[in-house]
Amino acid sequence: MAENESQSRQIQLRIDESKMTSSYANTIRTSTTQDEVVLDFGMNLPMQGNDGQPALLFAVGSRVIMNWSGAKRLAISLGQIIRQYEERNGEIQLTRPQAPASDSGPRLTRED
């Protein structure tokens, strides 16, 4: 009897959102180490470069650092919710930004 009781025991999950902040990101930059995955979320903002040519500024709004196991769980979760969304609403089309007329288009550069 004690064996059945321990198998049916449930752990209650409580979520504390008191220190949570929300932000919007339209792009992500990833980098990795042997132990961690670094995700920089932010906004691609069109701007004019020093030479008058169009440029993009990647304004990083938040950084999430996780171990590889957490990153894999995130990838699985995202895959599941995207699949569910597409089953209800159709395939999400990934569009590329319109390329400028010349080959010397905007390049992402790091601003320190």
PDB file of N, CA and C in Angstrom:
ATOM      1  N   MET A   1       0.806  -1.192   0.000  1.00  0.00           N
ATOM      2  CA  MET A   1       0.000   0.000   0.000  1.00  0.00           C
ATOM      3  C   MET A   1       0.857   1.267   0.000  1.00  0.00           C
ATOM      4  N   ALA A   2       1.919   1.273   0.800  1.00  0.00           N
ATOM      5  CA  ALA A   2       2.802   2.434   0.868  1.00  0.00           C
ATOM      6  C   ALA A   2       3.464   2.695  -0.479  1.00  0.00           C
ATOM      7  N   GLU A   3       3.716   1.640  -1.235  1.00  0.00           N
ATOM      8  CA  GLU A   3       4.328   1.786  -2.557  1.00  0.00           C
ATOM      9  C   GLU A   3       3.403   2.546  -3.502  1.00  0.00           C
ATOM     10  N   ASN A   4       2.118   2.260  -3.520  1.00  0.00           N
ATOM     11  CA  ASN A   4       1.151   2.962  -4.377  1.00  0.00           C
ATOM     12  C   ASN A   4       0.990   4.411  -3.959  1.00  0.00           C
ATOM     13  N   GLU A   5       1.021   4.684  -2.651  1.00  0.00           N
ATOM     14  CA  GLU A   5       0.885   6.059  -2.171  1.00  0.00           C
ATOM     15  C   GLU A   5       2.051   6.925  -2.638  1.00  0.00           C
ATOM     16  N   SER A   6       3.275   6.412  -2.590  1.00  0.00           N
ATOM     17  CA  SER A   6       4.433   7.219  -3.001  1.00  0.00           C
ATOM     18  C   SER A   6       4.442   7.455  -4.509  1.00  0.00           C
ATOM     19  N   GLN A   7       3.898   6.533  -5.292  1.00  0.00           N
ATOM     20  CA  GLN A   7       3.863   6.713  -6.737  1.00  0.00           C
ATOM     21  C   GLN A   7       2.813   7.735  -7.162  1.00  0.00           C
ATOM     22  N   SER A   8       1.754   7.903  -6.370  1.00  0.00           N
ATOM     23  CA  SER A   8       0.695   8.832  -6.752  1.00  0.00           C
ATOM     24  C   SER A   8       0.903  10.231  -6.150  1.00  0.00           C
ATOM     25  N   ARG A   9       1.947  10.423  -5.375  1.00  0.00           N
ATOM     26  CA  ARG A   9       2.216  11.724  -4.766  1.00  0.00           C
ATOM     27  C   ARG A   9       2.597  12.723  -5.853  1.00  0.00           C
ATOM     28  N   GLN A  10       2.015  13.898  -5.784  1.00  0.00           N
ATOM     29  CA  GLN A  10       2.297  14.938  -6.770  1.00  0.00           C
ATOM     30  C   GLN A  10       2.989  16.110  -6.095  1.00  0.00           C
ATOM     31  N   ILE A  11       3.835  16.765  -6.842  1.00  0.00           N
ATOM     32  CA  ILE A  11       4.518  17.960  -6.355  1.00  0.00           C
ATOM     33  C   ILE A  11       3.802  19.164  -6.923  1.00  0.00           C
ATOM     34  N   GLN A  12       3.487  20.110  -6.064  1.00  0.00           N
ATOM     35  CA  GLN A  12       2.810  21.319  -6.492  1.00  0.00           C
ATOM     36  C   GLN A  12       3.844  22.323  -7.016  1.00  0.00           C
ATOM     37  N   LEU A  13       3.595  22.883  -8.173  1.00  0.00           N
ATOM     38  CA  LEU A  13       4.485  23.878  -8.774  1.00  0.00           C
ATOM     39  C   LEU A  13       3.884  25.257  -8.552  1.00  0.00           C
ATOM     40  N   ARG A  14       4.642  26.126  -7.937  1.00  0.00           N
ATOM     41  CA  ARG A  14       4.218  27.514  -7.750  1.00  0.00           C
ATOM     42  C   ARG A  14       5.117  28.399  -8.588  1.00  0.00           C
ATOM     43  N   ILE A  15       4.525  29.345  -9.281  1.00  0.00           N
ATOM     44  CA  ILE A  15       5.272  30.239 -10.159  1.00  0.00           C
ATOM     45  C   ILE A  15       5.240  31.639  -9.579  1.00  0.00           C
ATOM     46  N   ASP A  16       6.419  32.199  -9.339  1.00  0.00           N
ATOM     47  CA  ASP A  16       6.548  33.548  -8.798  1.00  0.00           C
ATOM     48  C   ASP A  16       6.870  34.502  -9.947  1.00  0.00           C
ATOM     49  N   GLU A  17       5.915  35.344 -10.312  1.00  0.00           N
ATOM     50  CA  GLU A  17       6.100  36.309 -11.399  1.00  0.00           C
ATOM     51  C   GLU A  17       6.305  37.726 -10.865  1.00  0.00           C
ATOM     52  N   SER A  18       6.578  37.864  -9.573  1.00  0.00           N
ATOM     53  CA  SER A  18       6.664  39.190  -8.970  1.00  0.00           C
ATOM     54  C   SER A  18       7.852  40.004  -9.478  1.00  0.00           C
ATOM     55  N   LYS A  19       8.922  39.368  -9.916  1.00  0.00           N
ATOM     56  CA  LYS A  19      10.103  40.087 -10.403  1.00  0.00           C
ATOM     57  C   LYS A  19      10.262  39.980 -11.916  1.00  0.00           C
ATOM     58  N   MET A  20       9.238  39.467 -12.584  1.00  0.00           N
ATOM     59  CA  MET A  20       9.297  39.263 -14.021  1.00  0.00           C
ATOM     60  C   MET A  20       9.161  40.594 -14.767  1.00  0.00           C
ATOM     61  N   THR A  21       9.896  40.716 -15.851  1.00  0.00           N
ATOM     62  CA  THR A  21       9.722  41.829 -16.778  1.00  0.00           C
ATOM     63  C   THR A  21       9.444  41.239 -18.152  1.00  0.00           C
ATOM     64  N   SER A  22       8.722  41.972 -18.960  1.00  0.00           N
ATOM     65  CA  SER A  22       8.418  41.527 -20.317  1.00  0.00           C
ATOM     66  C   SER A  22       9.044  42.483 -21.309  1.00  0.00           C
ATOM     67  N   SER A  23       9.496  41.953 -22.415  1.00  0.00           N
ATOM     68  CA  SER A  23      10.046  42.793 -23.473  1.00  0.00           C
ATOM     69  C   SER A  23       9.776  42.118 -24.811  1.00  0.00           C
ATOM     70  N   TYR A  24       9.863  42.892 -25.871  1.00  0.00           N
ATOM     71  CA  TYR A  24       9.644  42.396 -27.220  1.00  0.00           C
ATOM     72  C   TYR A  24      10.992  42.304 -27.923  1.00  0.00           C
ATOM     73  N   ALA A  25      11.180  41.252 -28.705  1.00  0.00           N
ATOM     74  CA  ALA A  25      12.397  41.102 -29.504  1.00  0.00           C
ATOM     75  C   ALA A  25      12.006  40.670 -30.905  1.00  0.00           C
ATOM     76  N   ASN A  26      12.663  41.248 -31.905  1.00  0.00           N
ATOM     77  CA  ASN A  26      12.413  40.800 -33.274  1.00  0.00           C
ATOM     78  C   ASN A  26      13.625  40.073 -33.850  1.00  0.00           C
ATOM     79  N   THR A  27      14.638  39.875 -33.029  1.00  0.00           N
ATOM     80  CA  THR A  27      15.803  39.122 -33.484  1.00  0.00           C
ATOM     81  C   THR A  27      16.536  38.529 -32.291  1.00  0.00           C
ATOM     82  N   ILE A  28      17.378  37.553 -32.572  1.00  0.00           N
ATOM     83  CA  ILE A  28      18.150  36.882 -31.534  1.00  0.00           C
ATOM     84  C   ILE A  28      19.543  36.597 -32.068  1.00  0.00           C
ATOM     85  N   ARG A  29      20.527  36.739 -31.194  1.00  0.00           N
ATOM     86  CA  ARG A  29      21.906  36.382 -31.519  1.00  0.00           C
ATOM     87  C   ARG A  29      22.308  35.279 -30.549  1.00  0.00           C
ATOM     88  N   THR A  30      22.941  34.253 -31.065  1.00  0.00           N
ATOM     89  CA  THR A  30      23.362  33.143 -30.209  1.00  0.00           C
ATOM     90  C   THR A  30      24.867  33.012 -30.225  1.00  0.00           C
ATOM     91  N   SER A  31      25.405  32.617 -29.092  1.00  0.00           N
ATOM     92  CA  SER A  31      26.815  32.250 -29.007  1.00  0.00           C
ATOM     93  C   SER A  31      26.906  31.119 -27.989  1.00  0.00           C
ATOM     94  N   THR A  32      27.981  30.374 -28.060  1.00  0.00           N
ATOM     95  CA  THR A  32      28.083  29.189 -27.218  1.00  0.00           C
ATOM     96  C   THR A  32      29.486  29.038 -26.639  1.00  0.00           C
ATOM     97  N   THR A  33      29.534  28.316 -25.532  1.00  0.00           N
ATOM     98  CA  THR A  33      30.785  27.821 -24.977  1.00  0.00           C
ATOM     99  C   THR A  33      30.605  26.313 -24.841  1.00  0.00           C
ATOM    100  N   GLN A  34      31.589  25.635 -24.356  1.00  0.00           N
ATOM    101  CA  GLN A  34      31.468  24.199 -24.173  1.00  0.00           C
ATOM    102  C   GLN A  34      30.368  23.871 -23.158  1.00  0.00           C
ATOM    103  N   ASP A  35      30.145  24.763 -22.203  1.00  0.00           N
ATOM    104  CA  ASP A  35      29.194  24.494 -21.123  1.00  0.00           C
ATOM    105  C   ASP A  35      27.865  25.224 -21.241  1.00  0.00           C
ATOM    106  N   GLU A  36      27.810  26.309 -22.031  1.00  0.00           N
ATOM    107  CA  GLU A  36      26.637  27.171 -22.008  1.00  0.00           C
ATOM    108  C   GLU A  36      26.221  27.656 -23.390  1.00  0.00           C
ATOM    109  N   VAL A  37      24.953  28.050 -23.465  1.00  0.00           N
ATOM    110  CA  VAL A  37      24.382  28.700 -24.630  1.00  0.00           C
ATOM    111  C   VAL A  37      23.976  30.104 -24.194  1.00  0.00           C
ATOM    112  N   VAL A  38      24.372  31.105 -24.970  1.00  0.00           N
ATOM    113  CA  VAL A  38      24.051  32.494 -24.662  1.00  0.00           C
ATOM    114  C   VAL A  38      23.087  32.998 -25.730  1.00  0.00           C
ATOM    115  N   LEU A  39      21.942  33.501 -25.289  1.00  0.00           N
ATOM    116  CA  LEU A  39      20.918  34.020 -26.194  1.00  0.00           C
ATOM    117  C   LEU A  39      20.748  35.502 -25.915  1.00  0.00           C
ATOM    118  N   ASP A  40      21.063  36.345 -26.895  1.00  0.00           N
ATOM    119  CA  ASP A  40      20.840  37.784 -26.796  1.00  0.00           C
ATOM    120  C   ASP A  40      19.591  38.121 -27.582  1.00  0.00           C
ATOM    121  N   PHE A  41      18.577  38.638 -26.897  1.00  0.00           N
ATOM    122  CA  PHE A  41      17.323  39.033 -27.529  1.00  0.00           C
ATOM    123  C   PHE A  41      17.324  40.537 -27.696  1.00  0.00           C
ATOM    124  N   GLY A  42      16.841  41.014 -28.832  1.00  0.00           N
ATOM    125  CA  GLY A  42      16.818  42.449 -29.037  1.00  0.00           C
ATOM    126  C   GLY A  42      16.062  42.854 -30.273  1.00  0.00           C
ATOM    127  N   MET A  43      16.295  44.095 -30.659  1.00  0.00           N
ATOM    128  CA  MET A  43      15.602  44.697 -31.791  1.00  0.00           C
ATOM    129  C   MET A  43      16.589  45.071 -32.879  1.00  0.00           C
ATOM    130  N   ASN A  44      16.269  44.678 -34.102  1.00  0.00           N
ATOM    131  CA  ASN A  44      16.981  45.202 -35.266  1.00  0.00           C
ATOM    132  C   ASN A  44      16.344  46.535 -35.605  1.00  0.00           C
ATOM    133  N   LEU A  45      17.120  47.595 -35.529  1.00  0.00           N
ATOM    134  CA  LEU A  45      16.608  48.933 -35.788  1.00  0.00           C
ATOM    135  C   LEU A  45      17.290  49.514 -37.014  1.00  0.00           C
ATOM    136  N   PRO A  46      16.523  49.862 -38.044  1.00  0.00           N
ATOM    137  CA  PRO A  46      17.135  50.481 -39.223  1.00  0.00           C
ATOM    138  C   PRO A  46      17.653  51.866 -38.877  1.00  0.00           C
ATOM    139  N   MET A  47      18.801  52.193 -39.426  1.00  0.00           N
ATOM    140  CA  MET A  47      19.395  53.506 -39.202  1.00  0.00           C
ATOM    141  C   MET A  47      20.279  53.862 -40.385  1.00  0.00           C
ATOM    142  N   GLN A  48      20.795  55.050 -40.381  1.00  0.00           N
ATOM    143  CA  GLN A  48      21.702  55.486 -41.437  1.00  0.00           C
ATOM    144  C   GLN A  48      23.130  55.369 -40.922  1.00  0.00           C
ATOM    145  N   GLY A  49      23.985  54.726 -41.704  1.00  0.00           N
ATOM    146  CA  GLY A  49      25.375  54.573 -41.330  1.00  0.00           C
ATOM    147  C   GLY A  49      26.146  55.872 -41.483  1.00  0.00           C
ATOM    148  N   ASN A  50      27.406  55.854 -41.048  1.00  0.00           N
ATOM    149  CA  ASN A  50      28.262  57.044 -41.143  1.00  0.00           C
ATOM    150  C   ASN A  50      28.441  57.511 -42.578  1.00  0.00           C
ATOM    151  N   ASP A  51      28.428  56.568 -43.499  1.00  0.00           N
ATOM    152  CA  ASP A  51      28.609  56.916 -44.914  1.00  0.00           C
ATOM    153  C   ASP A  51      27.295  57.228 -45.614  1.00  0.00           C
ATOM    154  N   GLY A  52      26.211  57.329 -44.867  1.00  0.00           N
ATOM    155  CA  GLY A  52      24.913  57.636 -45.458  1.00  0.00           C
ATOM    156  C   GLY A  52      24.183  56.412 -45.969  1.00  0.00           C
ATOM    157  N   GLN A  53      24.810  55.270 -45.938  1.00  0.00           N
ATOM    158  CA  GLN A  53      24.186  54.034 -46.408  1.00  0.00           C
ATOM    159  C   GLN A  53      23.287  53.456 -45.320  1.00  0.00           C
ATOM    160  N   PRO A  54      22.264  52.691 -45.723  1.00  0.00           N
ATOM    161  CA  PRO A  54      21.394  52.068 -44.725  1.00  0.00           C
ATOM    162  C   PRO A  54      22.185  51.078 -43.875  1.00  0.00           C
ATOM    163  N   ALA A  55      21.853  51.003 -42.597  1.00  0.00           N
ATOM    164  CA  ALA A  55      22.516  50.092 -41.674  1.00  0.00           C
ATOM    165  C   ALA A  55      21.476  49.579 -40.685  1.00  0.00           C
ATOM    166  N   LEU A  56      21.833  48.553 -39.966  1.00  0.00           N
ATOM    167  CA  LEU A  56      20.982  48.028 -38.900  1.00  0.00           C
ATOM    168  C   LEU A  56      21.733  48.119 -37.581  1.00  0.00           C
ATOM    169  N   LEU A  57      21.037  48.516 -36.550  1.00  0.00           N
ATOM    170  CA  LEU A  57      21.576  48.503 -35.201  1.00  0.00           C
ATOM    171  C   LEU A  57      20.870  47.397 -34.441  1.00  0.00           C
ATOM    172  N   PHE A  58      21.626  46.459 -33.885  1.00  0.00           N
ATOM    173  CA  PHE A  58      21.042  45.407 -33.062  1.00  0.00           C
ATOM    174  C   PHE A  58      21.125  45.867 -31.615  1.00  0.00           C
ATOM    175  N   ALA A  59      19.993  46.304 -31.070  1.00  0.00           N
ATOM    176  CA  ALA A  59      19.921  46.796 -29.697  1.00  0.00           C
ATOM    177  C   ALA A  59      19.541  45.625 -28.799  1.00  0.00           C
ATOM    178  N   VAL A  60      20.504  45.105 -28.031  1.00  0.00           N
ATOM    179  CA  VAL A  60      20.261  43.960 -27.166  1.00  0.00           C
ATOM    180  C   VAL A  60      19.438  44.411 -25.964  1.00  0.00           C
ATOM    181  N   GLY A  61      18.309  43.748 -25.750  1.00  0.00           N
ATOM    182  CA  GLY A  61      17.441  44.085 -24.638  1.00  0.00           C
ATOM    183  C   GLY A  61      17.623  43.167 -23.441  1.00  0.00           C
ATOM    184  N   SER A  62      17.927  41.914 -23.699  1.00  0.00           N
ATOM    185  CA  SER A  62      18.142  40.982 -22.594  1.00  0.00           C
ATOM    186  C   SER A  62      19.006  39.820 -23.051  1.00  0.00           C
ATOM    187  N   ARG A  63      19.688  39.221 -22.101  1.00  0.00           N
ATOM    188  CA  ARG A  63      20.565  38.078 -22.367  1.00  0.00           C
ATOM    189  C   ARG A  63      20.142  36.948 -21.446  1.00  0.00           C
ATOM    190  N   VAL A  64      19.988  35.757 -22.033  1.00  0.00           N
ATOM    191  CA  VAL A  64      19.668  34.558 -21.263  1.00  0.00           C
ATOM    192  C   VAL A  64      20.814  33.576 -21.471  1.00  0.00           C
ATOM    193  N   ILE A  65      21.361  33.090 -20.371  1.00  0.00           N
ATOM    194  CA  ILE A  65      22.458  32.120 -20.423  1.00  0.00           C
ATOM    195  C   ILE A  65      21.941  30.833 -19.802  1.00  0.00           C
ATOM    196  N   MET A  66      22.102  29.725 -20.512  1.00  0.00           N
ATOM    197  CA  MET A  66      21.626  28.446 -19.989  1.00  0.00           C
ATOM    198  C   MET A  66      22.592  27.335 -20.344  1.00  0.00           C
ATOM    199  N   ASN A  67      22.493  26.229 -19.606  1.00  0.00           N
ATOM    200  CA  ASN A  67      23.329  25.077 -19.932  1.00  0.00           C
ATOM    201  C   ASN A  67      22.719  24.349 -21.134  1.00  0.00           C
ATOM    202  N   TRP A  68      23.447  23.398 -21.675  1.00  0.00           N
ATOM    203  CA  TRP A  68      23.013  22.713 -22.888  1.00  0.00           C
ATOM    204  C   TRP A  68      21.739  21.907 -22.670  1.00  0.00           C
ATOM    205  N   SER A  69      21.553  21.333 -21.492  1.00  0.00           N
ATOM    206  CA  SER A  69      20.320  20.588 -21.210  1.00  0.00           C
ATOM    207  C   SER A  69      19.112  21.521 -21.236  1.00  0.00           C
ATOM    208  N   GLY A  70      19.249  22.691 -20.625  1.00  0.00           N
ATOM    209  CA  GLY A  70      18.171  23.672 -20.653  1.00  0.00           C
ATOM    210  C   GLY A  70      17.884  24.148 -22.068  1.00  0.00           C
ATOM    211  N   ALA A  71      18.941  24.335 -22.861  1.00  0.00           N
ATOM    212  CA  ALA A  71      18.762  24.767 -24.251  1.00  0.00           C
ATOM    213  C   ALA A  71      18.019  23.707 -25.061  1.00  0.00           C
ATOM    214  N   LYS A  72      18.325  22.438 -24.816  1.00  0.00           N
ATOM    215  CA  LYS A  72      17.629  21.371 -25.537  1.00  0.00           C
ATOM    216  C   LYS A  72      16.161  21.329 -25.133  1.00  0.00           C
ATOM    217  N   ARG A  73      15.877  21.494 -23.835  1.00  0.00           N
ATOM    218  CA  ARG A  73      14.478  21.523 -23.397  1.00  0.00           C
ATOM    219  C   ARG A  73      13.744  22.709 -24.019  1.00  0.00           C
ATOM    220  N   LEU A  74      14.415  23.855 -24.127  1.00  0.00           N
ATOM    221  CA  LEU A  74      13.816  25.022 -24.770  1.00  0.00           C
ATOM    222  C   LEU A  74      13.513  24.724 -26.239  1.00  0.00           C
ATOM    223  N   ALA A  75      14.462  24.115 -26.944  1.00  0.00           N
ATOM    224  CA  ALA A  75      14.261  23.795 -28.361  1.00  0.00           C
ATOM    225  C   ALA A  75      13.078  22.845 -28.553  1.00  0.00           C
ATOM    226  N   ILE A  76      12.964  21.851 -27.684  1.00  0.00           N
ATOM    227  CA  ILE A  76      11.846  20.906 -27.775  1.00  0.00           C
ATOM    228  C   ILE A  76      10.525  21.628 -27.518  1.00  0.00           C
ATOM    229  N   SER A  77      10.479  22.459 -26.479  1.00  0.00           N
ATOM    230  CA  SER A  77       9.252  23.197 -26.155  1.00  0.00           C
ATOM    231  C   SER A  77       8.846  24.125 -27.300  1.00  0.00           C
ATOM    232  N   LEU A  78       9.812  24.862 -27.850  1.00  0.00           N
ATOM    233  CA  LEU A  78       9.504  25.758 -28.972  1.00  0.00           C
ATOM    234  C   LEU A  78       8.999  24.971 -30.175  1.00  0.00           C
ATOM    235  N   GLY A  79       9.639  23.835 -30.465  1.00  0.00           N
ATOM    236  CA  GLY A  79       9.191  22.997 -31.576  1.00  0.00           C
ATOM    237  C   GLY A  79       7.756  22.539 -31.399  1.00  0.00           C
ATOM    238  N   GLN A  80       7.399  22.161 -30.177  1.00  0.00           N
ATOM    239  CA  GLN A  80       6.034  21.694 -29.910  1.00  0.00           C
ATOM    240  C   GLN A  80       5.014  22.811 -30.064  1.00  0.00           C
ATOM    241  N   ILE A  81       5.297  24.002 -29.508  1.00  0.00           N
ATOM    242  CA  ILE A  81       4.295  25.066 -29.602  1.00  0.00           C
ATOM    243  C   ILE A  81       4.187  25.630 -31.018  1.00  0.00           C
ATOM    244  N   ILE A  82       5.286  25.617 -31.767  1.00  0.00           N
ATOM    245  CA  ILE A  82       5.222  26.064 -33.165  1.00  0.00           C
ATOM    246  C   ILE A  82       4.423  25.073 -33.995  1.00  0.00           C
ATOM    247  N   ARG A  83       4.651  23.779 -33.773  1.00  0.00           N
ATOM    248  CA  ARG A  83       3.885  22.756 -34.496  1.00  0.00           C
ATOM    249  C   ARG A  83       2.399  22.901 -34.204  1.00  0.00           C
ATOM    250  N   GLN A  84       2.020  23.095 -32.940  1.00  0.00           N
ATOM    251  CA  GLN A  84       0.618  23.262 -32.570  1.00  0.00           C
ATOM    252  C   GLN A  84       0.020  24.510 -33.222  1.00  0.00           C
ATOM    253  N   TYR A  85       0.771  25.607 -33.221  1.00  0.00           N
ATOM    254  CA  TYR A  85       0.296  26.842 -33.842  1.00  0.00           C
ATOM    255  C   TYR A  85       0.053  26.635 -35.337  1.00  0.00           C
ATOM    256  N   GLU A  86       1.022  26.001 -36.012  1.00  0.00           N
ATOM    257  CA  GLU A  86       0.897  25.802 -37.456  1.00  0.00           C
ATOM    258  C   GLU A  86      -0.221  24.827 -37.801  1.00  0.00           C
ATOM    259  N   GLU A  87      -0.495  23.857 -36.937  1.00  0.00           N
ATOM    260  CA  GLU A  87      -1.619  22.948 -37.183  1.00  0.00           C
ATOM    261  C   GLU A  87      -2.948  23.705 -37.145  1.00  0.00           C
ATOM    262  N   ARG A  88      -3.048  24.707 -36.290  1.00  0.00           N
ATOM    263  CA  ARG A  88      -4.274  25.503 -36.173  1.00  0.00           C
ATOM    264  C   ARG A  88      -4.355  26.623 -37.207  1.00  0.00           C
ATOM    265  N   ASN A  89      -3.214  27.236 -37.548  1.00  0.00           N
ATOM    266  CA  ASN A  89      -3.222  28.485 -38.319  1.00  0.00           C
ATOM    267  C   ASN A  89      -2.489  28.427 -39.648  1.00  0.00           C
ATOM    268  N   GLY A  90      -1.865  27.319 -39.991  1.00  0.00           N
ATOM    269  CA  GLY A  90      -1.092  27.229 -41.219  1.00  0.00           C
ATOM    270  C   GLY A  90       0.377  27.533 -40.979  1.00  0.00           C
ATOM    271  N   GLU A  91       1.170  27.205 -41.962  1.00  0.00           N
ATOM    272  CA  GLU A  91       2.618  27.332 -41.835  1.00  0.00           C
ATOM    273  C   GLU A  91       3.054  28.787 -41.674  1.00  0.00           C
ATOM    274  N   ILE A  92       3.979  29.016 -40.772  1.00  0.00           N
ATOM    275  CA  ILE A  92       4.574  30.340 -40.569  1.00  0.00           C
ATOM    276  C   ILE A  92       5.609  30.541 -41.675  1.00  0.00           C
ATOM    277  N   GLN A  93       5.441  31.591 -42.443  1.00  0.00           N
ATOM    278  CA  GLN A  93       6.372  31.886 -43.523  1.00  0.00           C
ATOM    279  C   GLN A  93       7.495  32.764 -43.002  1.00  0.00           C
ATOM    280  N   LEU A  94       8.710  32.326 -43.207  1.00  0.00           N
ATOM    281  CA  LEU A  94       9.869  33.141 -42.824  1.00  0.00           C
ATOM    282  C   LEU A  94      10.250  33.989 -44.025  1.00  0.00           C
ATOM    283  N   THR A  95      10.171  35.293 -43.863  1.00  0.00           N
ATOM    284  CA  THR A  95      10.521  36.198 -44.952  1.00  0.00           C
ATOM    285  C   THR A  95      11.830  36.878 -44.612  1.00  0.00           C
ATOM    286  N   ARG A  96      12.597  37.126 -45.613  1.00  0.00           N
ATOM    287  CA  ARG A  96      13.865  37.825 -45.439  1.00  0.00           C
ATOM    288  C   ARG A  96      13.636  39.294 -45.713  1.00  0.00           C
ATOM    289  N   PRO A  97      14.348  40.160 -45.024  1.00  0.00           N
ATOM    290  CA  PRO A  97      14.224  41.587 -45.313  1.00  0.00           C
ATOM    291  C   PRO A  97      14.608  41.857 -46.766  1.00  0.00           C
ATOM    292  N   GLN A  98      13.953  42.816 -47.362  1.00  0.00           N
ATOM    293  CA  GLN A  98      14.236  43.173 -48.749  1.00  0.00           C
ATOM    294  C   GLN A  98      15.686  43.604 -48.884  1.00  0.00           C
ATOM    295  N   ALA A  99      16.407  42.976 -49.808  1.00  0.00           N
ATOM    296  CA  ALA A  99      17.822  43.288 -50.011  1.00  0.00           C
ATOM    297  C   ALA A  99      17.963  44.644 -50.686  1.00  0.00           C
ATOM    298  N   PRO A 100      18.970  45.427 -50.303  1.00  0.00           N
ATOM    299  CA  PRO A 100      19.205  46.699 -50.981  1.00  0.00           C
ATOM    300  C   PRO A 100      19.663  46.462 -52.418  1.00  0.00           C
ATOM    301  N   ALA A 101      19.590  47.503 -53.227  1.00  0.00           N
ATOM    302  CA  ALA A 101      19.915  47.379 -54.645  1.00  0.00           C
ATOM    303  C   ALA A 101      21.366  46.976 -54.879  1.00  0.00           C
ATOM    304  N   SER A 102      22.282  47.435 -54.041  1.00  0.00           N
ATOM    305  CA  SER A 102      23.691  47.110 -54.253  1.00  0.00           C
ATOM    306  C   SER A 102      24.120  45.956 -53.362  1.00  0.00           C
ATOM    307  N   ASP A 103      25.277  45.378 -53.666  1.00  0.00           N
ATOM    308  CA  ASP A 103      25.807  44.278 -52.865  1.00  0.00           C
ATOM    309  C   ASP A 103      26.381  44.748 -51.540  1.00  0.00           C
ATOM    310  N   SER A 104      26.593  46.030 -51.383  1.00  0.00           N
ATOM    311  CA  SER A 104      27.207  46.535 -50.155  1.00  0.00           C
ATOM    312  C   SER A 104      26.129  46.966 -49.167  1.00  0.00           C
ATOM    313  N   GLY A 105      25.194  46.074 -48.915  1.00  0.00           N
ATOM    314  CA  GLY A 105      24.073  46.350 -48.029  1.00  0.00           C
ATOM    315  C   GLY A 105      24.484  46.450 -46.571  1.00  0.00           C
ATOM    316  N   PRO A 106      23.508  46.615 -45.720  1.00  0.00           N
ATOM    317  CA  PRO A 106      23.814  46.784 -44.298  1.00  0.00           C
ATOM    318  C   PRO A 106      24.471  45.555 -43.710  1.00  0.00           C
ATOM    319  N   ARG A 107      25.383  45.775 -42.833  1.00  0.00           N
ATOM    320  CA  ARG A 107      26.084  44.697 -42.130  1.00  0.00           C
ATOM    321  C   ARG A 107      25.901  44.928 -40.647  1.00  0.00           C
ATOM    322  N   LEU A 108      25.741  43.859 -39.893  1.00  0.00           N
ATOM    323  CA  LEU A 108      25.666  43.986 -38.455  1.00  0.00           C
ATOM    324  C   LEU A 108      27.066  44.172 -37.902  1.00  0.00           C
ATOM    325  N   THR A 109      27.260  45.188 -37.112  1.00  0.00           N
ATOM    326  CA  THR A 109      28.539  45.412 -36.460  1.00  0.00           C
ATOM    327  C   THR A 109      28.278  45.582 -34.984  1.00  0.00           C
ATOM    328  N   ARG A 110      29.262  45.263 -34.192  1.00  0.00           N
ATOM    329  CA  ARG A 110      29.120  45.356 -32.746  1.00  0.00           C
ATOM    330  C   ARG A 110      29.474  46.765 -32.295  1.00  0.00           C
ATOM    331  N   GLU A 111      28.560  47.370 -31.527  1.00  0.00           N
ATOM    332  CA  GLU A 111      28.801  48.710 -30.989  1.00  0.00           C
ATOM    333  C   GLU A 111      29.177  48.559 -29.529  1.00  0.00           C
ATOM    334  N   ASP A 112      30.344  48.972 -29.139  1.00  0.00           N
ATOM    335  CA  ASP A 112      30.789  48.858 -27.730  1.00  0.00           C
ATOM    336  C   ASP A 112      30.703  50.190 -27.043  1.00  0.00           C
TER     337      ASP A 112
END
